[in-house]
Amino acid sequence: MYFVYIIKNTEGKYYVGYTKNIRERLERHNKNRSDFTKNKVKWNLVYKERLLNKGDAIKRENYIKSQKSKKFIESLIYSGVEK
């Protein structure tokens, strides 16, 4: 099982990614061990989707990122839907 996740930092920025272990990945983001998110601010998990395999997770992550829209990301978050 894989997850596509969205995290939000204390400055209001979002990051979309995929992982097998959300807890471990969030910890890496918050310990500045990820290039994009290593700006010493706190990241919080705001959305996750479960997917059966890595390929599906990568496709979903790329789709979300391709929208290039904060509104789209926020619509996912506020829909309260978790797949």
PDB file of N, CA and C in Angstrom:
ATOM      1  N   MET A   1       0.840  -1.180   0.000  1.00  0.00           N
ATOM      2  CA  MET A   1       0.000   0.000   0.000  1.00  0.00           C
ATOM      3  C   MET A   1       0.886   1.246   0.000  1.00  0.00           C
ATOM      4  N   TYR A   2       0.485   2.231  -0.793  1.00  0.00           N
ATOM      5  CA  TYR A   2       1.177   3.515  -0.865  1.00  0.00           C
ATOM      6  C   TYR A   2       0.196   4.628  -0.561  1.00  0.00           C
ATOM      7  N   PHE A   3       0.732   5.786  -0.272  1.00  0.00           N
ATOM      8  CA  PHE A   3      -0.082   6.961   0.011  1.00  0.00           C
ATOM      9  C   PHE A   3       0.398   8.138  -0.824  1.00  0.00           C
ATOM     10  N   VAL A   4      -0.550   8.922  -1.292  1.00  0.00           N
ATOM     11  CA  VAL A   4      -0.258  10.254  -1.806  1.00  0.00           C
ATOM     12  C   VAL A   4      -0.663  11.167  -0.663  1.00  0.00           C
ATOM     13  N   TYR A   5       0.178  12.136  -0.364  1.00  0.00           N
ATOM     14  CA  TYR A   5      -0.109  12.988   0.780  1.00  0.00           C
ATOM     15  C   TYR A   5       0.130  14.451   0.435  1.00  0.00           C
ATOM     16  N   ILE A   6      -0.519  15.304   1.194  1.00  0.00           N
ATOM     17  CA  ILE A   6      -0.305  16.749   1.089  1.00  0.00           C
ATOM     18  C   ILE A   6       0.023  17.228   2.491  1.00  0.00           C
ATOM     19  N   ILE A   7       1.112  17.973   2.589  1.00  0.00           N
ATOM     20  CA  ILE A   7       1.470  18.597   3.854  1.00  0.00           C
ATOM     21  C   ILE A   7       1.445  20.105   3.659  1.00  0.00           C
ATOM     22  N   LYS A   8       1.236  20.804   4.744  1.00  0.00           N
ATOM     23  CA  LYS A   8       1.165  22.266   4.722  1.00  0.00           C
ATOM     24  C   LYS A   8       2.079  22.788   5.808  1.00  0.00           C
ATOM     25  N   ASN A   9       2.841  23.832   5.496  1.00  0.00           N
ATOM     26  CA  ASN A   9       3.726  24.375   6.524  1.00  0.00           C
ATOM     27  C   ASN A   9       3.101  25.572   7.208  1.00  0.00           C
ATOM     28  N   THR A  10       3.781  26.062   8.216  1.00  0.00           N
ATOM     29  CA  THR A  10       3.259  27.164   9.016  1.00  0.00           C
ATOM     30  C   THR A  10       3.217  28.477   8.243  1.00  0.00           C
ATOM     31  N   GLU A  11       3.828  28.497   7.058  1.00  0.00           N
ATOM     32  CA  GLU A  11       3.775  29.687   6.194  1.00  0.00           C
ATOM     33  C   GLU A  11       2.660  29.573   5.147  1.00  0.00           C
ATOM     34  N   GLY A  12       1.903  28.468   5.177  1.00  0.00           N
ATOM     35  CA  GLY A  12       0.785  28.283   4.262  1.00  0.00           C
ATOM     36  C   GLY A  12       1.135  27.641   2.931  1.00  0.00           C
ATOM     37  N   LYS A  13       2.347  27.110   2.781  1.00  0.00           N
ATOM     38  CA  LYS A  13       2.745  26.453   1.544  1.00  0.00           C
ATOM     39  C   LYS A  13       2.409  24.970   1.609  1.00  0.00           C
ATOM     40  N   TYR A  14       2.100  24.411   0.434  1.00  0.00           N
ATOM     41  CA  TYR A  14       1.755  23.001   0.340  1.00  0.00           C
ATOM     42  C   TYR A  14       2.871  22.217  -0.351  1.00  0.00           C
ATOM     43  N   TYR A  15       2.932  20.923  -0.021  1.00  0.00           N
ATOM     44  CA  TYR A  15       3.833  20.005  -0.686  1.00  0.00           C
ATOM     45  C   TYR A  15       3.064  18.714  -0.924  1.00  0.00           C
ATOM     46  N   VAL A  16       3.171  18.185  -2.141  1.00  0.00           N
ATOM     47  CA  VAL A  16       2.494  16.941  -2.510  1.00  0.00           C
ATOM     48  C   VAL A  16       3.558  15.876  -2.749  1.00  0.00           C
ATOM     49  N   GLY A  17       3.357  14.691  -2.195  1.00  0.00           N
ATOM     50  CA  GLY A  17       4.304  13.606  -2.399  1.00  0.00           C
ATOM     51  C   GLY A  17       3.630  12.256  -2.273  1.00  0.00           C
ATOM     52  N   TYR A  18       4.435  11.207  -2.395  1.00  0.00           N
ATOM     53  CA  TYR A  18       3.929   9.851  -2.182  1.00  0.00           C
ATOM     54  C   TYR A  18       4.932   9.091  -1.332  1.00  0.00           C
ATOM     55  N   THR A  19       4.451   8.092  -0.638  1.00  0.00           N
ATOM     56  CA  THR A  19       5.299   7.315   0.254  1.00  0.00           C
ATOM     57  C   THR A  19       4.610   6.017   0.638  1.00  0.00           C
ATOM     58  N   LYS A  20       5.381   5.119   1.205  1.00  0.00           N
ATOM     59  CA  LYS A  20       4.822   3.901   1.801  1.00  0.00           C
ATOM     60  C   LYS A  20       4.529   4.126   3.284  1.00  0.00           C
ATOM     61  N   ASN A  21       5.261   5.048   3.908  1.00  0.00           N
ATOM     62  CA  ASN A  21       5.149   5.269   5.353  1.00  0.00           C
ATOM     63  C   ASN A  21       5.006   6.773   5.624  1.00  0.00           C
ATOM     64  N   ILE A  22       3.790   7.206   5.851  1.00  0.00           N
ATOM     65  CA  ILE A  22       3.532   8.642   6.038  1.00  0.00           C
ATOM     66  C   ILE A  22       4.218   9.179   7.287  1.00  0.00           C
ATOM     67  N   ARG A  23       4.142   8.470   8.375  1.00  0.00           N
ATOM     68  CA  ARG A  23       4.745   8.959   9.623  1.00  0.00           C
ATOM     69  C   ARG A  23       6.244   9.209   9.451  1.00  0.00           C
ATOM     70  N   GLU A  24       6.936   8.251   8.862  1.00  0.00           N
ATOM     71  CA  GLU A  24       8.379   8.391   8.646  1.00  0.00           C
ATOM     72  C   GLU A  24       8.685   9.539   7.674  1.00  0.00           C
ATOM     73  N   ARG A  25       7.884   9.648   6.622  1.00  0.00           N
ATOM     74  CA  ARG A  25       8.122  10.692   5.624  1.00  0.00           C
ATOM     75  C   ARG A  25       7.882  12.080   6.215  1.00  0.00           C
ATOM     76  N   LEU A  26       6.842  12.250   6.999  1.00  0.00           N
ATOM     77  CA  LEU A  26       6.567  13.533   7.639  1.00  0.00           C
ATOM     78  C   LEU A  26       7.704  13.913   8.590  1.00  0.00           C
ATOM     79  N   GLU A  27       8.205  12.923   9.297  1.00  0.00           N
ATOM     80  CA  GLU A  27       9.337  13.153  10.191  1.00  0.00           C
ATOM     81  C   GLU A  27      10.555  13.656   9.401  1.00  0.00           C
ATOM     82  N   ARG A  28      10.798  13.066   8.236  1.00  0.00           N
ATOM     83  CA  ARG A  28      11.922  13.505   7.390  1.00  0.00           C
ATOM     84  C   ARG A  28      11.725  14.956   6.935  1.00  0.00           C
ATOM     85  N   HIS A  29      10.490  15.301   6.576  1.00  0.00           N
ATOM     86  CA  HIS A  29      10.218  16.689   6.174  1.00  0.00           C
ATOM     87  C   HIS A  29      10.504  17.645   7.333  1.00  0.00           C
ATOM     88  N   ASN A  30      10.079  17.279   8.514  1.00  0.00           N
ATOM     89  CA  ASN A  30      10.237  18.162   9.670  1.00  0.00           C
ATOM     90  C   ASN A  30      11.649  18.171  10.248  1.00  0.00           C
ATOM     91  N   LYS A  31      12.467  17.211   9.870  1.00  0.00           N
ATOM     92  CA  LYS A  31      13.865  17.208  10.318  1.00  0.00           C
ATOM     93  C   LYS A  31      14.789  17.738   9.223  1.00  0.00           C
ATOM     94  N   ASN A  32      14.196  18.435   8.247  1.00  0.00           N
ATOM     95  CA  ASN A  32      14.956  19.080   7.173  1.00  0.00           C
ATOM     96  C   ASN A  32      15.797  18.107   6.355  1.00  0.00           C
ATOM     97  N   ARG A  33      15.281  16.909   6.129  1.00  0.00           N
ATOM     98  CA  ARG A  33      15.983  15.912   5.321  1.00  0.00           C
ATOM     99  C   ARG A  33      15.347  15.736   3.947  1.00  0.00           C
ATOM    100  N   SER A  34      14.647  16.761   3.493  1.00  0.00           N
ATOM    101  CA  SER A  34      14.035  16.756   2.169  1.00  0.00           C
ATOM    102  C   SER A  34      14.348  18.099   1.522  1.00  0.00           C
ATOM    103  N   ASP A  35      14.896  18.073   0.323  1.00  0.00           N
ATOM    104  CA  ASP A  35      15.370  19.315  -0.308  1.00  0.00           C
ATOM    105  C   ASP A  35      14.310  20.405  -0.383  1.00  0.00           C
ATOM    106  N   PHE A  36      13.123  20.089  -0.901  1.00  0.00           N
ATOM    107  CA  PHE A  36      12.105  21.120  -1.088  1.00  0.00           C
ATOM    108  C   PHE A  36      11.582  21.671   0.228  1.00  0.00           C
ATOM    109  N   THR A  37      11.513  20.842   1.250  1.00  0.00           N
ATOM    110  CA  THR A  37      10.865  21.258   2.498  1.00  0.00           C
ATOM    111  C   THR A  37      11.847  21.623   3.607  1.00  0.00           C
ATOM    112  N   LYS A  38      13.127  21.730   3.301  1.00  0.00           N
ATOM    113  CA  LYS A  38      14.086  22.006   4.380  1.00  0.00           C
ATOM    114  C   LYS A  38      14.273  23.501   4.624  1.00  0.00           C
ATOM    115  N   ASN A  39      13.219  24.138   5.053  1.00  0.00           N
ATOM    116  CA  ASN A  39      13.289  25.568   5.357  1.00  0.00           C
ATOM    117  C   ASN A  39      13.009  25.868   6.823  1.00  0.00           C
ATOM    118  N   LYS A  40      13.170  24.844   7.645  1.00  0.00           N
ATOM    119  CA  LYS A  40      13.073  24.984   9.101  1.00  0.00           C
ATOM    120  C   LYS A  40      11.714  25.483   9.612  1.00  0.00           C
ATOM    121  N   VAL A  41      10.664  25.141   8.891  1.00  0.00           N
ATOM    122  CA  VAL A  41       9.316  25.425   9.389  1.00  0.00           C
ATOM    123  C   VAL A  41       8.611  24.090   9.606  1.00  0.00           C
ATOM    124  N   LYS A  42       7.594  24.096  10.410  1.00  0.00           N
ATOM    125  CA  LYS A  42       6.842  22.881  10.753  1.00  0.00           C
ATOM    126  C   LYS A  42       5.880  22.522   9.631  1.00  0.00           C
ATOM    127  N   TRP A  43       5.860  21.229   9.253  1.00  0.00           N
ATOM    128  CA  TRP A  43       4.949  20.699   8.247  1.00  0.00           C
ATOM    129  C   TRP A  43       3.924  19.815   8.931  1.00  0.00           C
ATOM    130  N   ASN A  44       2.664  19.938   8.513  1.00  0.00           N
ATOM    131  CA  ASN A  44       1.582  19.127   9.066  1.00  0.00           C
ATOM    132  C   ASN A  44       0.864  18.392   7.945  1.00  0.00           C
ATOM    133  N   LEU A  45       0.519  17.148   8.188  1.00  0.00           N
ATOM    134  CA  LEU A  45      -0.242  16.363   7.230  1.00  0.00           C
ATOM    135  C   LEU A  45      -1.667  16.904   7.170  1.00  0.00           C
ATOM    136  N   VAL A  46      -2.132  17.247   5.960  1.00  0.00           N
ATOM    137  CA  VAL A  46      -3.488  17.773   5.814  1.00  0.00           C
ATOM    138  C   VAL A  46      -4.363  16.912   4.913  1.00  0.00           C
ATOM    139  N   TYR A  47      -3.738  15.944   4.207  1.00  0.00           N
ATOM    140  CA  TYR A  47      -4.506  15.097   3.292  1.00  0.00           C
ATOM    141  C   TYR A  47      -3.716  13.840   2.960  1.00  0.00           C
ATOM    142  N   LYS A  48      -4.433  12.728   2.787  1.00  0.00           N
ATOM    143  CA  LYS A  48      -3.786  11.509   2.324  1.00  0.00           C
ATOM    144  C   LYS A  48      -4.789  10.669   1.548  1.00  0.00           C
ATOM    145  N   GLU A  49      -4.268   9.930   0.595  1.00  0.00           N
ATOM    146  CA  GLU A  49      -5.047   8.967  -0.183  1.00  0.00           C
ATOM    147  C   GLU A  49      -4.287   7.655  -0.180  1.00  0.00           C
ATOM    148  N   ARG A  50      -4.988   6.566  -0.032  1.00  0.00           N
ATOM    149  CA  ARG A  50      -4.369   5.243  -0.094  1.00  0.00           C
ATOM    150  C   ARG A  50      -4.460   4.728  -1.521  1.00  0.00           C
ATOM    151  N   LEU A  51      -3.357   4.170  -2.001  1.00  0.00           N
ATOM    152  CA  LEU A  51      -3.326   3.562  -3.329  1.00  0.00           C
ATOM    153  C   LEU A  51      -2.695   2.184  -3.223  1.00  0.00           C
ATOM    154  N   LEU A  52      -3.060   1.321  -4.135  1.00  0.00           N
ATOM    155  CA  LEU A  52      -2.630  -0.071  -4.034  1.00  0.00           C
ATOM    156  C   LEU A  52      -1.161  -0.292  -4.362  1.00  0.00           C
ATOM    157  N   ASN A  53      -0.617   0.519  -5.266  1.00  0.00           N
ATOM    158  CA  ASN A  53       0.770   0.274  -5.668  1.00  0.00           C
ATOM    159  C   ASN A  53       1.501   1.578  -5.981  1.00  0.00           C
ATOM    160  N   LYS A  54       2.796   1.460  -6.126  1.00  0.00           N
ATOM    161  CA  LYS A  54       3.653   2.619  -6.346  1.00  0.00           C
ATOM    162  C   LYS A  54       3.300   3.337  -7.646  1.00  0.00           C
ATOM    163  N   GLY A  55       3.043   2.583  -8.701  1.00  0.00           N
ATOM    164  CA  GLY A  55       2.704   3.192  -9.989  1.00  0.00           C
ATOM    165  C   GLY A  55       1.477   4.078  -9.905  1.00  0.00           C
ATOM    166  N   ASP A  56       0.437   3.592  -9.229  1.00  0.00           N
ATOM    167  CA  ASP A  56      -0.784   4.391  -9.059  1.00  0.00           C
ATOM    168  C   ASP A  56      -0.512   5.633  -8.216  1.00  0.00           C
ATOM    169  N   ALA A  57       0.317   5.487  -7.202  1.00  0.00           N
ATOM    170  CA  ALA A  57       0.653   6.620  -6.337  1.00  0.00           C
ATOM    171  C   ALA A  57       1.400   7.697  -7.128  1.00  0.00           C
ATOM    172  N   ILE A  58       2.338   7.291  -7.954  1.00  0.00           N
ATOM    173  CA  ILE A  58       3.099   8.254  -8.758  1.00  0.00           C
ATOM    174  C   ILE A  58       2.177   8.964  -9.745  1.00  0.00           C
ATOM    175  N   LYS A  59       1.273   8.218 -10.381  1.00  0.00           N
ATOM    176  CA  LYS A  59       0.325   8.833 -11.321  1.00  0.00           C
ATOM    177  C   LYS A  59      -0.560   9.854 -10.616  1.00  0.00           C
ATOM    178  N   ARG A  60      -1.058   9.503  -9.454  1.00  0.00           N
ATOM    179  CA  ARG A  60      -1.946  10.416  -8.714  1.00  0.00           C
ATOM    180  C   ARG A  60      -1.187  11.652  -8.246  1.00  0.00           C
ATOM    181  N   GLU A  61       0.023  11.455  -7.737  1.00  0.00           N
ATOM    182  CA  GLU A  61       0.842  12.589  -7.317  1.00  0.00           C
ATOM    183  C   GLU A  61       1.080  13.526  -8.502  1.00  0.00           C
ATOM    184  N   ASN A  62       1.457  12.971  -9.644  1.00  0.00           N
ATOM    185  CA  ASN A  62       1.713  13.790 -10.825  1.00  0.00           C
ATOM    186  C   ASN A  62       0.462  14.522 -11.292  1.00  0.00           C
ATOM    187  N   TYR A  63      -0.694  13.862 -11.196  1.00  0.00           N
ATOM    188  CA  TYR A  63      -1.944  14.516 -11.577  1.00  0.00           C
ATOM    189  C   TYR A  63      -2.220  15.721 -10.677  1.00  0.00           C
ATOM    190  N   ILE A  64      -2.095  15.525  -9.383  1.00  0.00           N
ATOM    191  CA  ILE A  64      -2.348  16.628  -8.447  1.00  0.00           C
ATOM    192  C   ILE A  64      -1.384  17.779  -8.730  1.00  0.00           C
ATOM    193  N   LYS A  65      -0.106  17.460  -8.910  1.00  0.00           N
ATOM    194  CA  LYS A  65       0.890  18.501  -9.183  1.00  0.00           C
ATOM    195  C   LYS A  65       0.630  19.185 -10.520  1.00  0.00           C
ATOM    196  N   SER A  66       0.129  18.453 -11.501  1.00  0.00           N
ATOM    197  CA  SER A  66      -0.105  19.030 -12.828  1.00  0.00           C
ATOM    198  C   SER A  66      -1.206  20.085 -12.822  1.00  0.00           C
ATOM    199  N   GLN A  67      -2.052  20.056 -11.809  1.00  0.00           N
ATOM    200  CA  GLN A  67      -3.130  21.045 -11.717  1.00  0.00           C
ATOM    201  C   GLN A  67      -2.587  22.443 -11.421  1.00  0.00           C
ATOM    202  N   LYS A  68      -1.409  22.499 -10.803  1.00  0.00           N
ATOM    203  CA  LYS A  68      -0.748  23.769 -10.474  1.00  0.00           C
ATOM    204  C   LYS A  68      -1.732  24.780  -9.873  1.00  0.00           C
ATOM    205  N   SER A  69      -2.515  24.284  -8.952  1.00  0.00           N
ATOM    206  CA  SER A  69      -3.579  25.122  -8.407  1.00  0.00           C
ATOM    207  C   SER A  69      -3.730  24.926  -6.900  1.00  0.00           C
ATOM    208  N   LYS A  70      -3.556  26.009  -6.183  1.00  0.00           N
ATOM    209  CA  LYS A  70      -3.781  25.976  -4.736  1.00  0.00           C
ATOM    210  C   LYS A  70      -5.256  25.669  -4.455  1.00  0.00           C
ATOM    211  N   LYS A  71      -6.153  26.194  -5.308  1.00  0.00           N
ATOM    212  CA  LYS A  71      -7.583  25.936  -5.138  1.00  0.00           C
ATOM    213  C   LYS A  71      -7.893  24.446  -5.280  1.00  0.00           C
ATOM    214  N   PHE A  72      -7.267  23.792  -6.247  1.00  0.00           N
ATOM    215  CA  PHE A  72      -7.483  22.359  -6.444  1.00  0.00           C
ATOM    216  C   PHE A  72      -7.019  21.578  -5.215  1.00  0.00           C
ATOM    217  N   ILE A  73      -5.833  21.908  -4.733  1.00  0.00           N
ATOM    218  CA  ILE A  73      -5.296  21.231  -3.545  1.00  0.00           C
ATOM    219  C   ILE A  73      -6.224  21.444  -2.357  1.00  0.00           C
ATOM    220  N   GLU A  74      -6.668  22.668  -2.164  1.00  0.00           N
ATOM    221  CA  GLU A  74      -7.543  22.952  -1.036  1.00  0.00           C
ATOM    222  C   GLU A  74      -8.905  22.272  -1.192  1.00  0.00           C
ATOM    223  N   SER A  75      -9.358  22.099  -2.429  1.00  0.00           N
ATOM    224  CA  SER A  75     -10.630  21.386  -2.622  1.00  0.00           C
ATOM    225  C   SER A  75     -10.486  19.920  -2.221  1.00  0.00           C
ATOM    226  N   LEU A  76      -9.338  19.318  -2.464  1.00  0.00           N
ATOM    227  CA  LEU A  76      -9.085  17.957  -2.005  1.00  0.00           C
ATOM    228  C   LEU A  76      -9.089  17.895  -0.480  1.00  0.00           C
ATOM    229  N   ILE A  77      -8.370  18.826   0.121  1.00  0.00           N
ATOM    230  CA  ILE A  77      -8.238  18.846   1.574  1.00  0.00           C
ATOM    231  C   ILE A  77      -9.595  19.033   2.244  1.00  0.00           C
ATOM    232  N   TYR A  78     -10.354  19.993   1.763  1.00  0.00           N
ATOM    233  CA  TYR A  78     -11.614  20.332   2.425  1.00  0.00           C
ATOM    234  C   TYR A  78     -12.762  19.421   2.044  1.00  0.00           C
ATOM    235  N   SER A  79     -12.556  18.572   1.028  1.00  0.00           N
ATOM    236  CA  SER A  79     -13.609  17.633   0.669  1.00  0.00           C
ATOM    237  C   SER A  79     -13.765  16.558   1.750  1.00  0.00           C
ATOM    238  N   GLY A  80     -12.660  16.368   2.491  1.00  0.00           N
ATOM    239  CA  GLY A  80     -12.695  15.374   3.553  1.00  0.00           C
ATOM    240  C   GLY A  80     -12.707  13.945   3.049  1.00  0.00           C
ATOM    241  N   VAL A  81     -12.503  13.797   1.762  1.00  0.00           N
ATOM    242  CA  VAL A  81     -12.517  12.466   1.168  1.00  0.00           C
ATOM    243  C   VAL A  81     -11.133  11.861   1.265  1.00  0.00           C
ATOM    244  N   GLU A  82     -11.066  10.661   1.772  1.00  0.00           N
ATOM    245  CA  GLU A  82      -9.823   9.908   1.797  1.00  0.00           C
ATOM    246  C   GLU A  82     -10.078   8.620   1.061  1.00  0.00           C
ATOM    247  N   LYS A  83      -9.275   8.363   0.053  1.00  0.00           N
ATOM    248  CA  LYS A  83      -9.443   7.142  -0.742  1.00  0.00           C
ATOM    249  C   LYS A  83      -8.652   6.024  -0.133  1.00  0.00           C
TER     250      LYS A  83
END
